[in-house]
Amino acid sequence: MKNIFFVFVLLMLSNVSFGAIPTSGCLYDRNSETNISCMGSKPDYCQSDIKFANSPACINSKPPYCLNNTGLSNSLACVGSNPTYCQNNKEFANTLACARSNPSYCQSDKTLSNALACVGSKPSYCLGDPQQLNSLACSDFATMYILDTLKAGKYNLPAELQKIFTSNDLKDLQTYDVLRNSIGSF
């Protein structure tokens, strides 16, 4: 009977030690924030610590500090956060924070038809201008993957992420696919 109890206790301890805390430590260890395996894990520290604004772990976490800091408009944490400056300042039309924010200027300014802010905005000029049919504003985007946007853009990204974007290694391509789906779309 003591042996069964001992085995039971060992099993419980092993379940607690491996189940309660992720092996990568993504949610608790701030030193793992640059680890590509933690990408998109959105630990709590992303919400309050601005120094992690460009951390892969904090991508798309939309912390409150994104809403009033224009200097973070292209940070990974602020992707799609749609701060108010997106609505009235065309200067930020191609920033990550303003992606799919659909400000009113998208309806009239053809020069911004391929801006991230105007994705899927369907302005009236789409119907009358065949040259605009394939623009981001006129295209019907049900989903626009965040990772694809980062790959296509000229953003200051962590080295591990840049490596995955440029690699032809099968492992990196598989990692890209997994991250693409887990991080999601705008």
C-alpha atoms as a PDB file:
ATOM      1  CA  MET A   1       0.000   0.000   0.000  1.00  0.00           C
ATOM      2  CA  LYS A   2       2.863   2.373   0.803  1.00  0.00           C
ATOM      3  CA  ASN A   3       4.386   1.659  -2.621  1.00  0.00           C
ATOM      4  CA  ILE A   4       1.160   2.570  -4.403  1.00  0.00           C
ATOM      5  CA  PHE A   5       0.921   5.786  -2.394  1.00  0.00           C
ATOM      6  CA  PHE A   6       4.572   6.597  -3.212  1.00  0.00           C
ATOM      7  CA  VAL A   7       3.995   6.046  -6.944  1.00  0.00           C
ATOM      8  CA  PHE A   8       0.848   8.176  -6.775  1.00  0.00           C
ATOM      9  CA  VAL A   9       2.755  11.038  -5.112  1.00  0.00           C
ATOM     10  CA  LEU A  10       5.533  10.832  -7.706  1.00  0.00           C
ATOM     11  CA  LEU A  11       3.014  10.969 -10.524  1.00  0.00           C
ATOM     12  CA  MET A  12       1.319  13.982  -8.980  1.00  0.00           C
ATOM     13  CA  LEU A  13       4.627  15.800  -8.565  1.00  0.00           C
ATOM     14  CA  SER A  14       5.651  15.113 -12.137  1.00  0.00           C
ATOM     15  CA  ASN A  15       2.290  16.390 -13.412  1.00  0.00           C
ATOM     16  CA  VAL A  16       2.576  19.559 -11.358  1.00  0.00           C
ATOM     17  CA  SER A  17       6.151  20.276 -12.334  1.00  0.00           C
ATOM     18  CA  PHE A  18       5.505  19.849 -16.048  1.00  0.00           C
ATOM     19  CA  GLY A  19       1.904  20.955 -16.313  1.00  0.00           C
ATOM     20  CA  ALA A  20       1.736  24.079 -14.185  1.00  0.00           C
ATOM     21  CA  ILE A  21       4.730  25.886 -15.630  1.00  0.00           C
ATOM     22  CA  PRO A  22       5.454  25.761 -19.348  1.00  0.00           C
ATOM     23  CA  THR A  23       8.831  24.175 -20.043  1.00  0.00           C
ATOM     24  CA  SER A  24       9.881  27.189 -22.092  1.00  0.00           C
ATOM     25  CA  GLY A  25       9.052  29.556 -19.256  1.00  0.00           C
ATOM     26  CA  CYS A  26       7.412  31.943 -21.710  1.00  0.00           C
ATOM     27  CA  LEU A  27       4.769  33.181 -19.326  1.00  0.00           C
ATOM     28  CA  TYR A  28       7.014  33.784 -16.343  1.00  0.00           C
ATOM     29  CA  ASP A  29      10.617  34.208 -17.440  1.00  0.00           C
ATOM     30  CA  ARG A  30      11.268  37.674 -18.839  1.00  0.00           C
ATOM     31  CA  ASN A  31      14.620  36.469 -20.139  1.00  0.00           C
ATOM     32  CA  SER A  32      12.871  34.146 -22.595  1.00  0.00           C
ATOM     33  CA  GLU A  33      10.996  36.996 -24.297  1.00  0.00           C
ATOM     34  CA  THR A  34      13.293  36.969 -27.347  1.00  0.00           C
ATOM     35  CA  ASN A  35      12.962  33.213 -27.801  1.00  0.00           C
ATOM     36  CA  ILE A  36      11.066  32.502 -31.004  1.00  0.00           C
ATOM     37  CA  SER A  37       9.273  29.598 -29.328  1.00  0.00           C
ATOM     38  CA  CYS A  38       7.623  32.154 -27.019  1.00  0.00           C
ATOM     39  CA  MET A  39       6.301  34.230 -29.906  1.00  0.00           C
ATOM     40  CA  GLY A  40       2.723  35.296 -29.312  1.00  0.00           C
ATOM     41  CA  SER A  41       2.512  33.806 -25.817  1.00  0.00           C
ATOM     42  CA  LYS A  42       1.446  37.245 -24.477  1.00  0.00           C
ATOM     43  CA  PRO A  43       2.725  36.976 -20.908  1.00  0.00           C
ATOM     44  CA  ASP A  44       1.345  39.425 -18.341  1.00  0.00           C
ATOM     45  CA  TYR A  45       4.485  41.570 -18.366  1.00  0.00           C
ATOM     46  CA  CYS A  46       3.646  42.622 -21.949  1.00  0.00           C
ATOM     47  CA  GLN A  47       0.757  44.711 -20.621  1.00  0.00           C
ATOM     48  CA  SER A  48       2.769  46.853 -18.261  1.00  0.00           C
ATOM     49  CA  ASP A  49       6.439  46.860 -19.243  1.00  0.00           C
ATOM     50  CA  ILE A  50       7.109  49.061 -22.263  1.00  0.00           C
ATOM     51  CA  LYS A  51      10.618  47.671 -22.717  1.00  0.00           C
ATOM     52  CA  PHE A  52       9.018  44.493 -24.115  1.00  0.00           C
ATOM     53  CA  ALA A  53       7.063  46.334 -26.828  1.00  0.00           C
ATOM     54  CA  ASN A  54       9.138  44.748 -29.607  1.00  0.00           C
ATOM     55  CA  SER A  55       9.429  41.328 -28.034  1.00  0.00           C
ATOM     56  CA  PRO A  56       8.243  38.307 -30.050  1.00  0.00           C
ATOM     57  CA  ALA A  57       6.482  37.050 -26.911  1.00  0.00           C
ATOM     58  CA  CYS A  58       4.372  40.224 -26.799  1.00  0.00           C
ATOM     59  CA  ILE A  59       3.267  40.336 -30.442  1.00  0.00           C
ATOM     60  CA  ASN A  60      -0.360  41.422 -30.836  1.00  0.00           C
ATOM     61  CA  SER A  61      -0.838  41.826 -27.072  1.00  0.00           C
ATOM     62  CA  LYS A  62      -2.212  45.379 -27.507  1.00  0.00           C
ATOM     63  CA  PRO A  63      -1.129  46.826 -24.151  1.00  0.00           C
ATOM     64  CA  PRO A  64      -2.582  50.165 -22.980  1.00  0.00           C
ATOM     65  CA  TYR A  65       0.684  52.024 -23.626  1.00  0.00           C
ATOM     66  CA  CYS A  66       0.119  51.540 -27.387  1.00  0.00           C
ATOM     67  CA  LEU A  67      -2.863  53.867 -27.350  1.00  0.00           C
ATOM     68  CA  ASN A  68      -0.982  57.088 -26.672  1.00  0.00           C
ATOM     69  CA  ASN A  69       2.599  56.477 -27.764  1.00  0.00           C
ATOM     70  CA  THR A  70       3.190  57.205 -31.456  1.00  0.00           C
ATOM     71  CA  GLY A  71       6.798  56.094 -31.068  1.00  0.00           C
ATOM     72  CA  LEU A  72       5.553  52.525 -30.672  1.00  0.00           C
ATOM     73  CA  SER A  73       3.383  52.523 -33.802  1.00  0.00           C
ATOM     74  CA  ASN A  74       5.525  49.802 -35.417  1.00  0.00           C
ATOM     75  CA  SER A  75       6.202  47.720 -32.337  1.00  0.00           C
ATOM     76  CA  LEU A  76       5.170  44.079 -32.253  1.00  0.00           C
ATOM     77  CA  ALA A  77       3.024  44.495 -29.141  1.00  0.00           C
ATOM     78  CA  CYS A  78       0.959  47.256 -30.749  1.00  0.00           C
ATOM     79  CA  VAL A  79      -0.043  45.360 -33.919  1.00  0.00           C
ATOM     80  CA  GLY A  80      -3.648  46.251 -34.740  1.00  0.00           C
ATOM     81  CA  SER A  81      -4.201  48.206 -31.523  1.00  0.00           C
ATOM     82  CA  ASN A  82      -5.905  51.047 -33.446  1.00  0.00           C
ATOM     83  CA  PRO A  83      -4.958  54.067 -31.328  1.00  0.00           C
ATOM     84  CA  THR A  84      -6.849  57.311 -31.973  1.00  0.00           C
ATOM     85  CA  TYR A  85      -3.961  58.870 -33.900  1.00  0.00           C
ATOM     86  CA  CYS A  86      -4.662  56.318 -36.670  1.00  0.00           C
ATOM     87  CA  GLN A  87      -7.974  58.001 -37.420  1.00  0.00           C
ATOM     88  CA  ASN A  88      -6.715  61.501 -38.081  1.00  0.00           C
ATOM     89  CA  ASN A  89      -3.052  61.294 -39.058  1.00  0.00           C
ATOM     90  CA  LYS A  90      -2.158  59.878 -42.483  1.00  0.00           C
ATOM     91  CA  GLU A  91       1.474  59.739 -41.409  1.00  0.00           C
ATOM     92  CA  PHE A  92       0.654  56.524 -39.529  1.00  0.00           C
ATOM     93  CA  ALA A  93      -1.363  54.832 -42.296  1.00  0.00           C
ATOM     94  CA  ASN A  94       1.325  52.196 -42.874  1.00  0.00           C
ATOM     95  CA  THR A  95       2.148  51.401 -39.277  1.00  0.00           C
ATOM     96  CA  LEU A  96       1.449  48.106 -37.562  1.00  0.00           C
ATOM     97  CA  ALA A  97      -0.661  49.749 -34.853  1.00  0.00           C
ATOM     98  CA  CYS A  98      -3.026  51.224 -37.437  1.00  0.00           C
ATOM     99  CA  ALA A  99      -3.523  48.080 -39.529  1.00  0.00           C
ATOM    100  CA  ARG A 100      -7.151  47.702 -40.568  1.00  0.00           C
ATOM    101  CA  SER A 101      -8.197  50.784 -38.581  1.00  0.00           C
ATOM    102  CA  ASN A 102     -10.207  52.036 -41.583  1.00  0.00           C
ATOM    103  CA  PRO A 103      -9.966  55.800 -40.996  1.00  0.00           C
ATOM    104  CA  SER A 104     -12.191  58.103 -43.048  1.00  0.00           C
ATOM    105  CA  TYR A 105      -9.297  59.262 -45.245  1.00  0.00           C
ATOM    106  CA  CYS A 106      -9.179  55.755 -46.766  1.00  0.00           C
ATOM    107  CA  GLN A 107     -12.475  56.527 -48.519  1.00  0.00           C
ATOM    108  CA  SER A 108     -11.071  59.381 -50.596  1.00  0.00           C
ATOM    109  CA  ASP A 109      -7.270  59.194 -50.781  1.00  0.00           C
ATOM    110  CA  LYS A 110      -6.253  56.810 -53.586  1.00  0.00           C
ATOM    111  CA  THR A 111      -2.594  57.263 -52.729  1.00  0.00           C
ATOM    112  CA  LEU A 112      -3.256  55.268 -49.553  1.00  0.00           C
ATOM    113  CA  SER A 113      -5.051  52.384 -51.255  1.00  0.00           C
ATOM    114  CA  ASN A 114      -2.212  50.029 -50.274  1.00  0.00           C
ATOM    115  CA  ALA A 115      -1.750  51.335 -46.742  1.00  0.00           C
ATOM    116  CA  LEU A 116      -2.201  48.947 -43.824  1.00  0.00           C
ATOM    117  CA  ALA A 117      -4.798  51.251 -42.261  1.00  0.00           C
ATOM    118  CA  CYS A 118      -6.995  50.958 -45.358  1.00  0.00           C
ATOM    119  CA  VAL A 119      -7.008  47.156 -45.742  1.00  0.00           C
ATOM    120  CA  GLY A 120     -10.486  46.037 -46.774  1.00  0.00           C
ATOM    121  CA  SER A 121     -12.011  49.518 -46.387  1.00  0.00           C
ATOM    122  CA  LYS A 122     -13.813  49.246 -49.763  1.00  0.00           C
ATOM    123  CA  PRO A 123     -13.862  52.938 -50.765  1.00  0.00           C
ATOM    124  CA  SER A 124     -16.227  53.987 -53.562  1.00  0.00           C
ATOM    125  CA  TYR A 125     -13.358  54.523 -56.019  1.00  0.00           C
ATOM    126  CA  CYS A 126     -12.862  50.726 -56.105  1.00  0.00           C
ATOM    127  CA  LEU A 127     -15.856  50.381 -58.433  1.00  0.00           C
ATOM    128  CA  GLY A 128     -14.784  52.981 -60.971  1.00  0.00           C
ATOM    129  CA  ASP A 129     -11.021  52.474 -61.123  1.00  0.00           C
ATOM    130  CA  PRO A 130      -9.803  49.126 -62.504  1.00  0.00           C
ATOM    131  CA  GLN A 131      -6.225  49.967 -61.474  1.00  0.00           C
ATOM    132  CA  GLN A 132      -7.305  49.883 -57.834  1.00  0.00           C
ATOM    133  CA  LEU A 133      -9.043  46.485 -57.891  1.00  0.00           C
ATOM    134  CA  ASN A 134      -6.003  44.656 -56.495  1.00  0.00           C
ATOM    135  CA  SER A 135      -5.144  47.268 -53.896  1.00  0.00           C
ATOM    136  CA  LEU A 136      -5.348  46.457 -50.189  1.00  0.00           C
ATOM    137  CA  ALA A 137      -8.273  48.852 -49.779  1.00  0.00           C
ATOM    138  CA  CYS A 138     -10.333  47.277 -52.577  1.00  0.00           C
ATOM    139  CA  SER A 139      -9.488  43.628 -52.016  1.00  0.00           C
ATOM    140  CA  ASP A 140     -11.720  41.422 -49.964  1.00  0.00           C
ATOM    141  CA  PHE A 141      -9.518  40.319 -47.083  1.00  0.00           C
ATOM    142  CA  ALA A 142     -11.303  37.953 -44.765  1.00  0.00           C
ATOM    143  CA  THR A 143      -7.983  37.374 -43.044  1.00  0.00           C
ATOM    144  CA  MET A 144      -4.672  39.127 -43.297  1.00  0.00           C
ATOM    145  CA  TYR A 145      -2.042  37.265 -41.362  1.00  0.00           C
ATOM    146  CA  ILE A 146       0.081  39.406 -39.085  1.00  0.00           C
ATOM    147  CA  LEU A 147       3.198  37.353 -39.756  1.00  0.00           C
ATOM    148  CA  ASP A 148       2.806  37.688 -43.543  1.00  0.00           C
ATOM    149  CA  THR A 149       2.556  41.451 -43.125  1.00  0.00           C
ATOM    150  CA  LEU A 150       5.701  41.536 -41.000  1.00  0.00           C
ATOM    151  CA  LYS A 151       7.545  39.412 -43.547  1.00  0.00           C
ATOM    152  CA  ALA A 152       6.536  41.654 -46.455  1.00  0.00           C
ATOM    153  CA  GLY A 153       7.248  44.942 -44.673  1.00  0.00           C
ATOM    154  CA  LYS A 154      10.388  46.795 -43.722  1.00  0.00           C
ATOM    155  CA  TYR A 155      10.127  46.609 -39.960  1.00  0.00           C
ATOM    156  CA  ASN A 156      12.825  46.521 -37.314  1.00  0.00           C
ATOM    157  CA  LEU A 157      12.379  42.937 -36.148  1.00  0.00           C
ATOM    158  CA  PRO A 158      14.330  40.658 -33.826  1.00  0.00           C
ATOM    159  CA  ALA A 159      17.080  38.623 -35.535  1.00  0.00           C
ATOM    160  CA  GLU A 160      15.431  35.256 -34.844  1.00  0.00           C
ATOM    161  CA  LEU A 161      12.278  36.392 -36.594  1.00  0.00           C
ATOM    162  CA  GLN A 162      14.182  37.780 -39.580  1.00  0.00           C
ATOM    163  CA  LYS A 163      15.992  34.441 -39.893  1.00  0.00           C
ATOM    164  CA  ILE A 164      12.697  32.552 -40.138  1.00  0.00           C
ATOM    165  CA  PHE A 165      11.454  34.994 -42.789  1.00  0.00           C
ATOM    166  CA  THR A 166      14.476  34.483 -45.030  1.00  0.00           C
ATOM    167  CA  SER A 167      15.309  30.831 -44.411  1.00  0.00           C
ATOM    168  CA  ASN A 168      14.580  27.984 -46.810  1.00  0.00           C
ATOM    169  CA  ASP A 169      15.276  25.388 -44.144  1.00  0.00           C
ATOM    170  CA  LEU A 170      12.322  23.013 -43.710  1.00  0.00           C
ATOM    171  CA  LYS A 171      12.319  23.435 -39.931  1.00  0.00           C
ATOM    172  CA  ASP A 172      12.148  27.238 -40.250  1.00  0.00           C
ATOM    173  CA  LEU A 173       9.375  26.997 -42.855  1.00  0.00           C
ATOM    174  CA  GLN A 174       7.379  24.760 -40.526  1.00  0.00           C
ATOM    175  CA  THR A 175       8.000  27.142 -37.625  1.00  0.00           C
ATOM    176  CA  TYR A 176       6.742  30.011 -39.792  1.00  0.00           C
ATOM    177  CA  ASP A 177       3.518  28.134 -40.581  1.00  0.00           C
ATOM    178  CA  VAL A 178       2.885  27.303 -36.933  1.00  0.00           C
ATOM    179  CA  LEU A 179       3.566  30.881 -35.821  1.00  0.00           C
ATOM    180  CA  ARG A 180       1.486  32.310 -38.663  1.00  0.00           C
ATOM    181  CA  ASN A 181      -1.573  30.401 -37.527  1.00  0.00           C
ATOM    182  CA  SER A 182      -1.047  30.795 -33.791  1.00  0.00           C
ATOM    183  CA  ILE A 183      -0.480  34.561 -33.936  1.00  0.00           C
ATOM    184  CA  GLY A 184      -3.470  35.029 -36.192  1.00  0.00           C
ATOM    185  CA  SER A 185      -4.689  37.845 -38.356  1.00  0.00           C
ATOM    186  CA  PHE A 186      -5.697  41.482 -38.181  1.00  0.00           C
END
